[in-house]
Amino acid sequence: METSMTTQDQHSREQTRKATASGWIGSALEYYDFFIYATAASLIFPQIFFPKGNATAAIVASLATYGVGYVARPIGAFFLGHLGDTHGRKRVLLICMFVMGFSTIAVGLLPTYEQVGLLAPLLLVVLRLIQGFAVAGEISGASSMILEHAPFGRRGFFASFTLQGVQAGQILAAAVFLPLAHYMPEEQFNAWGWRVPFILSFAVIAVAFVIRREVEETPAFAAEAQRGDVPRAPVIEAVKYHWADMLRVICCSLMNVIAVVATVFGAAYAVQPAYGIGFSKSVYLWIPVLGNIIAVLVIPFVGNLSDRIGRRPPIIFGALGAGLLSFGYLYAISIHSVPLAIGMSLLMWGVVYQGYNAVFPSFYPELFPTRARVSAMAISQNIGTMITAMLPALFAAVAPPGSSNIPLTIGGLTLVTTLIAAISAWSARETYRMPLKALGERGASPTPKSEYDQQREVVISQSRWRKAA
């Protein structure tokens, strides 16, 4: 019996590592696809996919196509969330990967406005809608898979690697653009150089498939399937019984406004000639790269901290702190200070924002039961991020080139948004000490703190023992 249990424990730990690696690499590669579009929408699409003559209109239109991808996300969340709760987490992640990869390659093959006129932006919007549909199931599916494989007391730590992968994907996206934007003549970059990062997504499909096919379905979903308890309509069940927590997730997901300020509107504000700031494309691309490098290092520590003190405190701190720092970041751009802009980005995006970013992959799925987890998280999170995705175009409209006090205007809107997220997190119940089977159940009691700490220490000690062995 002891040998059998030891073998079972070893298999469980092995699957935890595989699920975490799958979530990390899948999120990194899939969000590489998503963020190369965001980068291109800020730096190059206004010049090649829209009519020339009105720079402000081109910037607003290009940033609006970035937001269009988020419009499709709630639709994708309904479909992919249903699939994840009825057919398994693994299947939905494989579908997300293939659809995302091929739609991104197609963007790199599109004709420009000079070649086909209005058909160019139309095709761009269609492909962005497909991208948004596909990415809608990635974080909810990956977070649920890792959470359901992770040992009790370590769910926050392991689930945080989902978002570490997202940040790594953003680093990769900017890193691919950096040498092209820096070393390639502008005419060549505008003609074909920008297409290279999109076509390289072919490698995304191959690498992610090899890794994800090795992960088993989660024990929680497998047990439901074996009992015949898989829901027929998880979306309806989620909305009917968990609407309040879904509303909380929608409001908390407005924290994506920090990503909007840091990597989308901030890029357009700093780089586009209409604003008159004059940061070069290659210099500005280093700002999100450095911020995300810090984030990759910070995320596991914050995830581990959430297993000790709870999910809500880091989220509330990250929301309020990042909202306040957005003023300084935009001010640094407005005074043409590259060193200060980089410093504020490292603090806002790389450190403080990670109080939210590292914790929500465990906090959101812990609010819901296994039978509706992917649907509830996917739908509510993607509605929240869809709202924030409209903000780049809104920011460009309320603070167009030539406006005074752009940092104050946009910073104020950002702070109000992050305040809503902080209040929503504060109103939620704490989840970190809830056993997996009790998650999402009304009236369920958390494990006593002393017992929880003891169990967590046992899990950590076993991990250390295995490393030493």
Protein backbone atom coordinates (compact mmCIF):
# COMPACT_ATOMS: atom_id res chain seq x y z
CA MET A 1 0.00 0.00 0.00
CA GLU A 2 2.78 2.42 0.86
CA THR A 3 4.51 1.75 -2.47
CA SER A 4 1.24 2.25 -4.33
CA MET A 5 0.62 5.56 -2.57
CA THR A 6 4.16 6.70 -3.23
CA THR A 7 3.81 5.88 -6.92
CA GLN A 8 0.48 7.67 -7.05
CA ASP A 9 1.93 10.75 -5.35
CA GLN A 10 4.87 10.79 -7.74
CA HIS A 11 2.52 10.54 -10.72
CA SER A 12 0.40 13.37 -9.32
CA ARG A 13 3.45 15.60 -8.86
CA GLU A 14 4.63 14.76 -12.37
CA GLN A 15 1.26 15.75 -13.82
CA THR A 16 1.32 18.98 -11.81
CA ARG A 17 4.65 19.87 -13.41
CA LYS A 18 3.42 18.92 -16.88
CA ALA A 19 0.19 20.88 -16.48
CA THR A 20 2.14 23.91 -15.25
CA ALA A 21 4.61 23.67 -18.13
CA SER A 22 1.73 23.27 -20.57
CA GLY A 23 -0.04 26.32 -19.15
CA TRP A 24 3.15 28.36 -19.23
CA ILE A 25 4.30 27.55 -22.75
CA GLY A 26 0.79 27.55 -24.19
CA SER A 27 0.02 30.97 -22.74
CA ALA A 28 3.42 32.31 -23.79
CA LEU A 29 3.06 31.18 -27.37
CA GLU A 30 -0.62 32.05 -27.74
CA TYR A 31 -0.19 35.50 -26.22
CA TYR A 32 2.85 36.04 -28.39
CA ASP A 33 0.37 35.86 -31.26
CA PHE A 34 -2.07 38.19 -29.56
CA PHE A 35 0.48 40.82 -28.54
CA ILE A 36 2.39 41.03 -31.80
CA TYR A 37 -0.91 42.31 -33.14
CA ALA A 38 -1.10 44.89 -30.32
CA THR A 39 2.45 46.00 -31.08
CA ALA A 40 1.81 46.26 -34.80
CA ALA A 41 -1.48 48.11 -34.23
CA SER A 42 0.43 50.81 -32.34
CA LEU A 43 3.55 51.02 -34.50
CA ILE A 44 2.81 50.11 -38.10
CA PHE A 45 -0.85 49.38 -38.97
CA PRO A 46 -1.95 53.08 -39.05
CA GLN A 47 0.44 53.64 -41.97
CA ILE A 48 -0.30 50.55 -44.08
CA PHE A 49 -3.91 49.44 -43.49
CA PHE A 50 -5.75 52.78 -43.42
CA PRO A 51 -6.11 55.82 -45.72
CA LYS A 52 -3.38 58.42 -45.48
CA GLY A 53 -4.13 62.09 -44.89
CA ASN A 54 -5.67 62.01 -41.42
CA ALA A 55 -3.15 60.71 -38.91
CA THR A 56 -5.51 60.95 -35.92
CA ALA A 57 -8.25 58.98 -37.69
CA ALA A 58 -5.74 56.29 -38.70
CA ILE A 59 -4.46 55.92 -35.12
CA VAL A 60 -7.98 55.69 -33.68
CA ALA A 61 -9.04 53.18 -36.35
CA SER A 62 -5.96 51.02 -35.85
CA LEU A 63 -6.39 50.96 -32.07
CA ALA A 64 -10.07 50.15 -32.60
CA THR A 65 -9.13 47.02 -34.56
CA TYR A 66 -7.07 46.01 -31.51
CA GLY A 67 -10.24 46.36 -29.43
CA VAL A 68 -12.32 44.38 -31.95
CA GLY A 69 -10.43 41.24 -30.95
CA TYR A 70 -11.82 41.63 -27.46
CA VAL A 71 -15.38 41.98 -28.78
CA ALA A 72 -15.17 38.39 -30.01
CA ARG A 73 -13.83 37.13 -26.71
CA PRO A 74 -17.17 36.81 -24.86
CA ILE A 75 -18.53 34.85 -27.83
CA GLY A 76 -15.50 32.59 -27.79
CA ALA A 77 -15.83 32.29 -24.01
CA PHE A 78 -19.39 30.94 -24.29
CA PHE A 79 -18.37 28.31 -26.84
CA LEU A 80 -14.94 27.38 -25.48
CA GLY A 81 -16.06 27.56 -21.84
CA HIS A 82 -18.88 25.14 -22.61
CA LEU A 83 -16.44 22.85 -24.36
CA GLY A 84 -13.98 22.97 -21.45
CA ASP A 85 -16.65 22.04 -18.91
CA THR A 86 -18.28 19.31 -21.00
CA HIS A 87 -15.37 17.78 -22.95
CA GLY A 88 -12.37 18.60 -20.79
CA ARG A 89 -9.72 21.24 -20.22
CA LYS A 90 -7.15 19.59 -22.48
CA ARG A 91 -9.33 19.57 -25.57
CA VAL A 92 -10.28 23.23 -25.34
CA LEU A 93 -6.64 24.28 -24.97
CA LEU A 94 -5.64 22.40 -28.12
CA ILE A 95 -8.45 24.07 -30.09
CA CYS A 96 -7.44 27.53 -28.85
CA MET A 97 -3.86 26.91 -29.92
CA PHE A 98 -4.64 25.84 -33.50
CA VAL A 99 -7.23 28.55 -34.25
CA MET A 100 -5.02 31.28 -32.80
CA GLY A 101 -1.91 30.15 -34.64
CA PHE A 102 -3.43 29.93 -38.11
CA SER A 103 -5.33 33.24 -37.82
CA THR A 104 -2.11 35.00 -36.80
CA ILE A 105 -0.22 33.59 -39.78
CA ALA A 106 -3.01 34.89 -42.01
CA VAL A 107 -2.53 38.46 -40.67
CA GLY A 108 1.08 38.31 -41.85
CA LEU A 109 -0.10 37.47 -45.37
CA LEU A 110 -2.68 40.28 -45.73
CA PRO A 111 -2.48 42.84 -48.57
CA THR A 112 -2.17 46.52 -47.61
CA TYR A 113 -4.57 49.43 -48.16
CA GLU A 114 -2.57 50.62 -51.18
CA GLN A 115 -2.97 47.18 -52.77
CA VAL A 116 -6.66 46.40 -52.19
CA GLY A 117 -8.21 49.49 -50.60
CA LEU A 118 -10.89 49.05 -47.93
CA LEU A 119 -10.70 45.26 -48.22
CA ALA A 120 -7.42 45.40 -46.28
CA PRO A 121 -8.83 46.79 -42.99
CA LEU A 122 -11.93 44.61 -43.43
CA LEU A 123 -9.83 41.43 -43.59
CA LEU A 124 -7.76 42.70 -40.67
CA VAL A 125 -10.90 43.05 -38.55
CA VAL A 126 -12.13 39.55 -39.50
CA LEU A 127 -8.85 37.93 -38.51
CA ARG A 128 -8.72 39.94 -35.29
CA LEU A 129 -12.19 38.64 -34.44
CA ILE A 130 -10.95 35.06 -34.97
CA GLN A 131 -7.93 35.77 -32.75
CA GLY A 132 -10.18 37.11 -30.01
CA PHE A 133 -12.46 34.09 -30.27
CA ALA A 134 -9.54 31.69 -29.88
CA VAL A 135 -7.75 33.42 -27.03
CA ALA A 136 -10.97 33.57 -24.97
CA GLY A 137 -10.49 30.05 -23.67
CA GLU A 138 -6.73 30.12 -23.05
CA ILE A 139 -6.29 31.60 -19.57
CA SER A 140 -9.47 30.09 -18.10
CA GLY A 141 -8.66 26.67 -19.52
CA ALA A 142 -4.98 26.75 -18.55
CA SER A 143 -5.69 28.16 -15.08
CA SER A 144 -8.36 25.53 -14.40
CA MET A 145 -6.10 22.73 -15.59
CA ILE A 146 -3.19 23.82 -13.38
CA LEU A 147 -5.45 24.53 -10.39
CA GLU A 148 -7.06 21.09 -10.57
CA HIS A 149 -3.68 19.35 -10.84
CA ALA A 150 -1.97 21.44 -8.13
CA PRO A 151 -1.63 20.25 -4.50
CA PHE A 152 -3.65 21.96 -1.77
CA GLY A 153 -1.76 24.92 -0.35
CA ARG A 154 0.19 25.53 -3.57
CA ARG A 155 -2.55 26.41 -6.02
CA GLY A 156 -1.65 30.10 -6.12
CA PHE A 157 2.01 29.38 -6.82
CA PHE A 158 1.43 26.90 -9.65
CA ALA A 159 -1.47 28.80 -11.25
CA SER A 160 0.64 31.97 -11.37
CA PHE A 161 2.80 30.37 -14.07
CA THR A 162 -0.11 30.81 -16.49
CA LEU A 163 0.40 34.58 -16.32
CA GLN A 164 4.15 34.27 -16.19
CA GLY A 165 3.77 32.63 -19.59
CA VAL A 166 1.60 35.52 -20.79
CA GLN A 167 4.29 38.02 -19.78
CA ALA A 168 6.94 35.89 -21.47
CA GLY A 169 4.83 35.92 -24.62
CA GLN A 170 4.80 39.71 -24.54
CA ILE A 171 8.58 39.77 -24.13
CA LEU A 172 8.92 37.47 -27.12
CA ALA A 173 6.52 39.61 -29.18
CA ALA A 174 8.47 42.80 -28.54
CA ALA A 175 11.82 41.04 -28.85
CA VAL A 176 10.95 39.83 -32.34
CA PHE A 177 9.98 43.36 -33.39
CA LEU A 178 13.08 44.99 -31.84
CA PRO A 179 15.78 43.85 -34.29
CA LEU A 180 13.43 44.35 -37.23
CA ALA A 181 12.47 47.89 -36.20
CA HIS A 182 16.03 48.82 -35.25
CA TYR A 183 18.16 47.35 -38.03
CA MET A 184 15.81 47.25 -41.01
CA PRO A 185 15.31 50.36 -43.16
CA GLU A 186 11.86 51.83 -42.53
CA GLU A 187 10.71 51.29 -46.11
CA GLN A 188 11.56 47.58 -45.94
CA PHE A 189 10.04 47.23 -42.47
CA ASN A 190 6.79 48.81 -43.67
CA ALA A 191 6.81 46.73 -46.84
CA TRP A 192 7.48 43.25 -45.45
CA GLY A 193 9.53 43.24 -42.25
CA TRP A 194 6.48 43.60 -39.99
CA ARG A 195 5.08 40.36 -41.49
CA VAL A 196 7.90 38.17 -40.15
CA PRO A 197 6.67 37.92 -36.52
CA PHE A 198 3.20 36.88 -37.70
CA ILE A 199 4.44 34.17 -40.06
CA LEU A 200 6.73 32.81 -37.35
CA SER A 201 3.56 31.70 -35.54
CA PHE A 202 3.91 28.48 -37.48
CA ALA A 203 6.46 27.52 -34.84
CA VAL A 204 3.90 28.39 -32.15
CA ILE A 205 1.58 25.66 -33.35
CA ALA A 206 4.25 22.96 -33.47
CA VAL A 207 5.86 23.65 -30.08
CA ALA A 208 2.59 24.09 -28.14
CA PHE A 209 1.08 20.91 -29.60
CA VAL A 210 4.06 18.77 -28.61
CA ILE A 211 3.87 20.01 -25.01
CA ARG A 212 0.11 20.00 -24.51
CA ARG A 213 -0.55 16.52 -25.79
CA GLU A 214 1.52 15.10 -22.90
CA VAL A 215 -0.81 16.41 -20.17
CA GLU A 216 -3.59 14.19 -18.78
CA GLU A 217 -7.08 15.47 -18.14
CA THR A 218 -7.50 16.82 -14.60
CA PRO A 219 -8.59 14.40 -11.83
CA ALA A 220 -11.50 16.71 -10.90
CA PHE A 221 -13.00 16.68 -14.40
CA ALA A 222 -12.20 12.98 -14.91
CA ALA A 223 -14.04 12.14 -11.68
CA GLU A 224 -17.10 14.09 -12.82
CA ALA A 225 -17.07 12.34 -16.18
CA GLN A 226 -16.78 8.93 -14.49
CA ARG A 227 -19.76 9.69 -12.23
CA GLY A 228 -21.77 11.01 -15.16
CA ASP A 229 -22.03 14.44 -13.55
CA VAL A 230 -20.70 16.48 -16.48
CA PRO A 231 -23.21 19.33 -16.94
CA ARG A 232 -25.14 19.68 -20.17
CA ALA A 233 -25.41 23.46 -19.92
CA PRO A 234 -22.55 24.80 -17.76
CA VAL A 235 -23.03 28.36 -19.05
CA ILE A 236 -26.64 28.47 -17.84
CA GLU A 237 -25.63 26.89 -14.54
CA ALA A 238 -22.84 29.43 -14.06
CA VAL A 239 -25.07 32.44 -14.73
CA LYS A 240 -27.98 31.08 -12.67
CA TYR A 241 -26.05 30.15 -9.52
CA HIS A 242 -22.82 32.17 -9.67
CA TRP A 243 -23.82 35.49 -11.26
CA ALA A 244 -22.58 37.55 -8.30
CA ASP A 245 -19.06 36.12 -8.47
CA MET A 246 -19.10 36.45 -12.25
CA LEU A 247 -19.93 40.14 -11.83
CA ARG A 248 -16.98 40.45 -9.42
CA VAL A 249 -14.66 38.87 -11.98
CA ILE A 250 -15.93 41.24 -14.68
CA CYS A 251 -15.12 44.23 -12.49
CA CYS A 252 -11.74 42.84 -11.37
CA SER A 253 -10.82 42.15 -14.99
CA LEU A 254 -11.01 45.87 -15.67
CA MET A 255 -7.45 45.80 -14.31
CA ASN A 256 -6.48 45.09 -17.90
CA VAL A 257 -6.55 48.87 -18.24
CA ILE A 258 -2.95 48.83 -16.98
CA ALA A 259 -1.92 46.65 -19.92
CA VAL A 260 -3.75 49.07 -22.21
CA VAL A 261 -1.91 52.08 -20.78
CA ALA A 262 1.48 50.37 -20.71
CA THR A 263 1.60 48.59 -24.07
CA VAL A 264 -1.09 50.02 -26.37
CA PHE A 265 -2.07 53.65 -25.73
CA GLY A 266 1.33 54.37 -24.19
CA ALA A 267 3.03 53.08 -27.34
CA ALA A 268 0.87 55.19 -29.64
CA TYR A 269 1.32 58.26 -27.41
CA ALA A 270 5.10 57.87 -27.37
CA VAL A 271 5.75 56.83 -30.97
CA GLN A 272 3.09 58.17 -33.35
CA PRO A 273 4.28 61.45 -34.97
CA ALA A 274 0.89 63.09 -34.44
CA TYR A 275 1.47 63.28 -30.69
CA GLY A 276 4.86 64.94 -31.14
CA ILE A 277 6.71 62.98 -28.42
CA GLY A 278 9.23 61.46 -30.79
CA PHE A 279 10.31 58.23 -29.08
CA SER A 280 11.81 55.93 -31.70
CA LYS A 281 10.06 52.62 -32.26
CA SER A 282 13.11 50.59 -31.30
CA VAL A 283 13.65 52.56 -28.07
CA TYR A 284 10.03 52.43 -27.02
CA LEU A 285 9.78 48.68 -27.60
CA TRP A 286 12.30 48.22 -24.80
CA ILE A 287 9.90 49.70 -22.23
CA PRO A 288 7.37 46.83 -22.16
CA VAL A 289 10.18 44.32 -22.66
CA LEU A 290 12.02 45.41 -19.51
CA GLY A 291 8.78 45.70 -17.54
CA ASN A 292 7.77 42.19 -18.51
CA ILE A 293 11.20 40.77 -17.68
CA ILE A 294 10.74 42.06 -14.13
CA ALA A 295 7.18 40.67 -14.11
CA VAL A 296 8.38 37.19 -15.06
CA LEU A 297 10.67 37.24 -12.01
CA VAL A 298 8.07 38.71 -9.63
CA ILE A 299 5.02 36.59 -10.52
CA PRO A 300 5.98 33.28 -8.81
CA PHE A 301 6.86 35.11 -5.59
CA VAL A 302 3.48 36.88 -5.55
CA GLY A 303 1.68 33.64 -6.37
CA ASN A 304 3.46 31.95 -3.48
CA LEU A 305 2.61 34.90 -1.21
CA SER A 306 -1.09 34.49 -2.05
CA ASP A 307 -0.89 30.92 -0.72
CA ARG A 308 0.26 32.36 2.62
CA ILE A 309 -1.83 35.51 3.13
CA GLY A 310 -4.74 35.02 0.73
CA ARG A 311 -5.75 36.14 -2.75
CA ARG A 312 -7.47 39.44 -1.98
CA PRO A 313 -4.67 41.51 -0.36
CA PRO A 314 -2.22 41.31 -3.30
CA ILE A 315 -4.99 42.05 -5.81
CA ILE A 316 -6.21 45.13 -3.91
CA PHE A 317 -2.67 46.45 -3.46
CA GLY A 318 -1.82 45.84 -7.13
CA ALA A 319 -4.99 47.57 -8.34
CA LEU A 320 -4.63 50.74 -6.29
CA GLY A 321 -0.85 51.01 -6.67
CA ALA A 322 -0.77 50.49 -10.42
CA GLY A 323 -3.61 52.96 -10.94
CA LEU A 324 -1.71 55.68 -9.09
CA LEU A 325 1.54 54.94 -10.91
CA SER A 326 -0.12 55.35 -14.31
CA PHE A 327 0.00 59.13 -13.78
CA GLY A 328 3.79 59.03 -13.41
CA TYR A 329 4.26 56.73 -16.40
CA LEU A 330 2.27 58.95 -18.77
CA TYR A 331 3.89 62.08 -17.35
CA ALA A 332 7.33 60.62 -18.09
CA ILE A 333 6.34 60.12 -21.73
CA SER A 334 4.89 63.64 -21.92
CA ILE A 335 8.20 65.23 -20.84
CA HIS A 336 10.12 63.10 -23.37
CA SER A 337 12.10 61.30 -20.64
CA VAL A 338 12.99 57.79 -21.78
CA PRO A 339 14.84 56.89 -18.52
CA LEU A 340 11.92 58.02 -16.35
CA ALA A 341 9.38 56.27 -18.60
CA ILE A 342 11.35 53.04 -18.34
CA GLY A 343 11.64 53.42 -14.56
CA MET A 344 7.92 54.06 -14.11
CA SER A 345 7.08 51.15 -16.39
CA LEU A 346 9.27 48.80 -14.35
CA LEU A 347 7.52 49.89 -11.16
CA MET A 348 3.93 50.07 -12.45
CA TRP A 349 3.85 47.18 -14.90
CA GLY A 350 6.73 45.00 -13.75
CA VAL A 351 6.18 45.04 -9.97
CA VAL A 352 2.98 46.57 -8.56
CA TYR A 353 0.54 45.35 -11.23
CA GLN A 354 1.71 41.80 -10.62
CA GLY A 355 -0.11 41.85 -7.28
CA TYR A 356 -3.22 41.39 -9.42
CA ASN A 357 -1.72 39.67 -12.43
CA ALA A 358 -0.04 36.82 -10.54
CA VAL A 359 -3.05 36.03 -8.37
CA PHE A 360 -6.13 36.12 -10.58
CA PRO A 361 -5.31 32.77 -12.30
CA SER A 362 -5.96 31.07 -8.95
CA PHE A 363 -8.51 33.51 -7.50
CA TYR A 364 -10.97 33.49 -10.42
CA PRO A 365 -11.31 29.70 -10.88
CA GLU A 366 -11.46 29.21 -7.11
CA LEU A 367 -14.69 31.22 -7.02
CA PHE A 368 -16.51 28.54 -9.07
CA PRO A 369 -17.19 24.77 -8.82
CA THR A 370 -15.55 22.24 -11.14
CA ARG A 371 -18.66 21.66 -13.24
CA ALA A 372 -18.91 25.31 -14.39
CA ARG A 373 -15.40 26.62 -13.69
CA VAL A 374 -14.10 27.21 -17.21
CA SER A 375 -17.38 28.72 -18.46
CA ALA A 376 -17.86 31.07 -15.51
CA MET A 377 -14.28 32.33 -15.54
CA ALA A 378 -13.97 32.59 -19.31
CA ILE A 379 -17.21 34.51 -19.83
CA SER A 380 -16.81 36.97 -16.97
CA GLN A 381 -13.09 37.62 -17.47
CA ASN A 382 -13.48 38.17 -21.20
CA ILE A 383 -16.40 40.56 -20.75
CA GLY A 384 -14.22 42.62 -18.41
CA THR A 385 -11.23 42.64 -20.75
CA MET A 386 -13.50 43.43 -23.70
CA ILE A 387 -14.58 46.61 -21.91
CA THR A 388 -10.99 47.68 -21.31
CA ALA A 389 -10.05 46.88 -24.91
CA MET A 390 -12.30 49.71 -26.06
CA LEU A 391 -10.21 52.11 -23.99
CA PRO A 392 -7.27 52.68 -26.43
CA ALA A 393 -9.62 54.15 -29.03
CA LEU A 394 -11.54 56.01 -26.30
CA PHE A 395 -8.31 57.42 -24.86
CA ALA A 396 -7.20 58.53 -28.31
CA ALA A 397 -10.58 60.18 -28.85
CA VAL A 398 -10.82 62.05 -25.51
CA ALA A 399 -7.13 62.94 -25.51
CA PRO A 400 -6.22 63.36 -29.21
CA PRO A 401 -2.93 64.79 -30.43
CA GLY A 402 -2.62 68.38 -29.31
CA SER A 403 -4.66 67.93 -26.12
CA SER A 404 -3.36 69.44 -22.92
CA ASN A 405 -2.90 67.35 -19.77
CA ILE A 406 -3.04 63.97 -21.49
CA PRO A 407 -1.31 62.29 -18.49
CA LEU A 408 -3.88 63.78 -16.07
CA THR A 409 -6.87 62.86 -18.23
CA ILE A 410 -5.82 59.29 -19.04
CA GLY A 411 -4.30 58.70 -15.61
CA GLY A 412 -7.55 59.77 -13.94
CA LEU A 413 -9.62 57.40 -16.07
CA THR A 414 -7.15 54.62 -15.29
CA LEU A 415 -7.29 55.17 -11.53
CA VAL A 416 -11.10 55.14 -11.47
CA THR A 417 -11.06 51.84 -13.36
CA THR A 418 -8.54 50.18 -11.03
CA LEU A 419 -10.52 51.43 -8.00
CA ILE A 420 -13.56 49.52 -9.27
CA ALA A 421 -11.40 46.38 -9.52
CA ALA A 422 -10.07 46.82 -5.97
CA ILE A 423 -13.56 47.22 -4.47
CA SER A 424 -14.78 44.12 -6.31
CA ALA A 425 -11.90 42.00 -4.99
CA TRP A 426 -12.50 43.30 -1.46
CA SER A 427 -16.19 42.25 -1.65
CA ALA A 428 -15.38 38.65 -2.64
CA ARG A 429 -14.89 35.77 -0.20
CA GLU A 430 -11.37 34.51 0.45
CA THR A 431 -10.66 31.22 -1.33
CA TYR A 432 -7.08 30.14 -0.71
CA ARG A 433 -7.90 27.77 2.19
CA MET A 434 -10.91 26.19 0.51
CA PRO A 435 -10.48 22.50 -0.47
CA LEU A 436 -10.88 21.88 -4.22
CA LYS A 437 -14.19 20.03 -3.80
CA ALA A 438 -15.63 22.90 -1.74
CA LEU A 439 -14.79 25.67 -4.22
CA GLY A 440 -17.88 27.51 -5.42
CA GLU A 441 -20.14 25.80 -2.89
CA ARG A 442 -22.38 28.02 -0.80
CA GLY A 443 -21.77 27.81 2.94
CA ALA A 444 -18.55 25.80 2.57
CA SER A 445 -16.04 26.37 5.35
CA PRO A 446 -12.32 26.94 4.72
CA THR A 447 -9.72 24.68 6.25
CA PRO A 448 -8.61 26.08 9.64
CA LYS A 449 -5.49 28.22 9.29
CA SER A 450 -3.30 26.02 11.50
CA GLU A 451 -4.31 22.85 9.65
CA TYR A 452 -3.89 24.57 6.28
CA ASP A 453 -0.39 25.80 7.15
CA GLN A 454 0.55 22.30 8.30
CA GLN A 455 -0.69 20.67 5.09
CA ARG A 456 1.06 23.28 2.98
CA GLU A 457 4.34 22.71 4.78
CA VAL A 458 4.07 18.97 4.15
CA VAL A 459 3.59 19.59 0.41
CA ILE A 460 6.58 21.95 0.30
CA SER A 461 8.74 19.51 2.27
CA GLN A 462 7.87 16.69 -0.14
CA SER A 463 8.90 18.90 -3.05
CA ARG A 464 12.21 19.72 -1.38
CA TRP A 465 12.81 16.06 -0.59
CA ARG A 466 12.20 15.07 -4.19
CA LYS A 467 14.63 17.73 -5.45
CA ALA A 468 17.28 16.55 -3.02
CA ALA A 469 16.75 12.94 -4.02
